């Protein structure tokens, strides 16, 4: 669940950043995609850490 939340948050944040920089729709899509990948990977690492901590490893 954490990677999905991270991807959605990253896509929204990337679109906002591109919009503030004066970008058009394609810029917003590119920033959104890039941020979604980054935040999705961070969410994946958080999920792995939480799963391992819950298992006691």
N, C-alpha and C. Protein backbone atom coordinates (compact mmCIF):
# COMPACT_ATOMS: atom_id res chain seq x y z
N UNK A 1 0.82 -1.19 0.00
CA UNK A 1 0.00 0.00 0.00
C UNK A 1 0.87 1.26 0.00
N UNK A 2 2.00 1.21 0.69
CA UNK A 2 2.87 2.38 0.76
C UNK A 2 3.41 2.79 -0.61
N UNK A 3 3.81 1.85 -1.49
CA UNK A 3 4.29 2.28 -2.80
C UNK A 3 3.21 2.98 -3.63
N UNK A 4 1.99 2.49 -3.53
CA UNK A 4 0.89 3.11 -4.28
C UNK A 4 0.62 4.52 -3.79
N UNK A 5 0.58 4.69 -2.48
CA UNK A 5 0.36 6.02 -1.91
C UNK A 5 1.51 6.95 -2.31
N UNK A 6 2.74 6.43 -2.25
CA UNK A 6 3.89 7.23 -2.65
C UNK A 6 3.83 7.65 -4.11
N UNK A 7 3.39 6.75 -4.97
CA UNK A 7 3.31 7.07 -6.39
C UNK A 7 2.26 8.14 -6.66
N UNK A 8 1.11 8.02 -6.03
CA UNK A 8 0.06 9.02 -6.23
C UNK A 8 0.51 10.38 -5.70
N UNK A 9 1.07 10.38 -4.49
CA UNK A 9 1.56 11.63 -3.92
C UNK A 9 2.67 12.23 -4.79
N UNK A 10 3.58 11.41 -5.27
CA UNK A 10 4.67 11.89 -6.11
C UNK A 10 4.17 12.47 -7.42
N UNK A 11 3.18 11.83 -8.03
CA UNK A 11 2.64 12.34 -9.29
C UNK A 11 1.99 13.70 -9.09
N UNK A 12 1.23 13.83 -8.00
CA UNK A 12 0.60 15.12 -7.72
C UNK A 12 1.63 16.19 -7.42
N UNK A 13 2.62 15.84 -6.62
CA UNK A 13 3.66 16.80 -6.28
C UNK A 13 4.46 17.22 -7.51
N UNK A 14 4.77 16.27 -8.36
CA UNK A 14 5.51 16.58 -9.58
C UNK A 14 4.73 17.50 -10.50
N UNK A 15 3.43 17.28 -10.62
CA UNK A 15 2.61 18.15 -11.45
C UNK A 15 2.57 19.56 -10.89
N UNK A 16 2.49 19.68 -9.58
CA UNK A 16 2.46 21.00 -8.95
C UNK A 16 3.79 21.72 -9.16
N UNK A 17 4.88 20.99 -9.00
CA UNK A 17 6.21 21.60 -9.19
C UNK A 17 6.36 22.10 -10.63
N UNK A 18 5.96 21.29 -11.59
CA UNK A 18 6.06 21.71 -12.99
C UNK A 18 5.17 22.90 -13.28
N UNK A 19 3.99 22.92 -12.70
CA UNK A 19 3.08 24.05 -12.92
C UNK A 19 3.66 25.33 -12.35
N UNK A 20 4.28 25.25 -11.18
CA UNK A 20 4.89 26.44 -10.56
C UNK A 20 6.07 26.96 -11.37
N UNK A 21 6.74 26.06 -12.10
CA UNK A 21 7.86 26.48 -12.94
C UNK A 21 7.40 26.99 -14.30
N UNK A 22 6.08 27.00 -14.51
CA UNK A 22 5.55 27.52 -15.76
C UNK A 22 5.48 26.50 -16.88
N UNK A 23 5.43 25.24 -16.54
CA UNK A 23 5.41 24.19 -17.55
C UNK A 23 4.03 23.94 -18.12
N UNK A 24 4.01 23.32 -19.28
CA UNK A 24 2.74 22.97 -19.91
C UNK A 24 2.33 21.56 -19.48
N UNK A 25 1.32 21.00 -20.13
CA UNK A 25 0.81 19.68 -19.73
C UNK A 25 1.85 18.58 -19.88
N UNK A 26 2.66 18.64 -20.91
CA UNK A 26 3.67 17.59 -21.09
C UNK A 26 4.75 17.68 -20.01
N UNK A 27 5.12 18.90 -19.62
CA UNK A 27 6.07 19.07 -18.53
C UNK A 27 5.50 18.52 -17.23
N UNK A 28 4.22 18.80 -16.99
CA UNK A 28 3.58 18.31 -15.78
C UNK A 28 3.53 16.78 -15.78
N UNK A 29 3.29 16.18 -16.95
CA UNK A 29 3.26 14.72 -17.05
C UNK A 29 4.65 14.12 -16.80
N UNK A 30 5.68 14.77 -17.33
CA UNK A 30 7.03 14.25 -17.15
C UNK A 30 7.47 14.37 -15.70
N UNK A 31 7.26 15.53 -15.10
CA UNK A 31 7.60 15.70 -13.69
C UNK A 31 6.79 14.74 -12.83
N UNK A 32 5.51 14.61 -13.14
CA UNK A 32 4.65 13.71 -12.38
C UNK A 32 5.13 12.27 -12.46
N UNK A 33 5.52 11.84 -13.65
CA UNK A 33 6.04 10.48 -13.81
C UNK A 33 7.33 10.26 -13.07
N UNK A 34 8.22 11.22 -13.17
CA UNK A 34 9.51 11.10 -12.47
C UNK A 34 9.35 11.07 -10.96
N UNK A 35 8.54 11.97 -10.45
CA UNK A 35 8.31 12.02 -9.01
C UNK A 35 7.57 10.76 -8.54
N UNK A 36 6.66 10.25 -9.37
CA UNK A 36 5.92 9.04 -9.00
C UNK A 36 6.87 7.86 -8.87
N UNK A 37 7.83 7.74 -9.76
CA UNK A 37 8.80 6.65 -9.68
C UNK A 37 9.64 6.78 -8.41
N UNK A 38 10.13 7.98 -8.14
CA UNK A 38 10.97 8.20 -6.96
C UNK A 38 10.21 7.91 -5.68
N UNK A 39 9.02 8.48 -5.55
CA UNK A 39 8.25 8.30 -4.32
C UNK A 39 7.72 6.87 -4.21
N UNK A 40 7.46 6.23 -5.34
CA UNK A 40 7.05 4.83 -5.31
C UNK A 40 8.16 3.93 -4.79
N UNK A 41 9.39 4.19 -5.23
CA UNK A 41 10.53 3.42 -4.73
C UNK A 41 10.75 3.66 -3.24
N UNK A 42 10.62 4.91 -2.81
CA UNK A 42 10.75 5.20 -1.39
C UNK A 42 9.66 4.46 -0.59
N UNK A 43 8.45 4.46 -1.11
CA UNK A 43 7.37 3.74 -0.46
C UNK A 43 7.63 2.25 -0.40
N UNK A 44 8.24 1.70 -1.44
CA UNK A 44 8.58 0.29 -1.46
C UNK A 44 9.59 -0.04 -0.37
N UNK A 45 10.61 0.80 -0.21
CA UNK A 45 11.60 0.57 0.83
C UNK A 45 10.97 0.69 2.22
N UNK A 46 10.05 1.62 2.39
CA UNK A 46 9.35 1.75 3.67
C UNK A 46 8.53 0.50 3.94
N UNK A 47 7.84 -0.01 2.94
CA UNK A 47 7.02 -1.21 3.11
C UNK A 47 7.89 -2.42 3.46
N UNK A 48 9.03 -2.55 2.81
CA UNK A 48 9.94 -3.66 3.11
C UNK A 48 10.46 -3.55 4.54
N UNK A 49 10.83 -2.34 4.93
CA UNK A 49 11.33 -2.13 6.29
C UNK A 49 10.25 -2.48 7.32
N UNK A 50 9.03 -2.02 7.09
CA UNK A 50 7.95 -2.29 8.05
C UNK A 50 7.63 -3.78 8.12
N UNK A 51 7.67 -4.47 6.98
CA UNK A 51 7.40 -5.90 6.97
C UNK A 51 8.49 -6.66 7.72
N UNK A 52 9.72 -6.27 7.52
CA UNK A 52 10.81 -6.96 8.22
C UNK A 52 10.79 -6.65 9.72
N UNK A 53 10.44 -5.41 10.08
CA UNK A 53 10.36 -5.05 11.49
C UNK A 53 9.22 -5.80 12.18
N UNK A 54 8.12 -5.98 11.48
CA UNK A 54 6.98 -6.69 12.06
C UNK A 54 7.27 -8.17 12.22
N UNK A 55 8.11 -8.71 11.35
CA UNK A 55 8.45 -10.13 11.40
C UNK A 55 9.54 -10.40 12.45
N UNK A 56 10.17 -9.35 12.94
CA UNK A 56 11.20 -9.52 13.95
C UNK A 56 12.56 -9.86 13.40
N UNK A 57 12.77 -9.63 12.11
CA UNK A 57 14.06 -9.96 11.50
C UNK A 57 15.04 -8.84 11.62
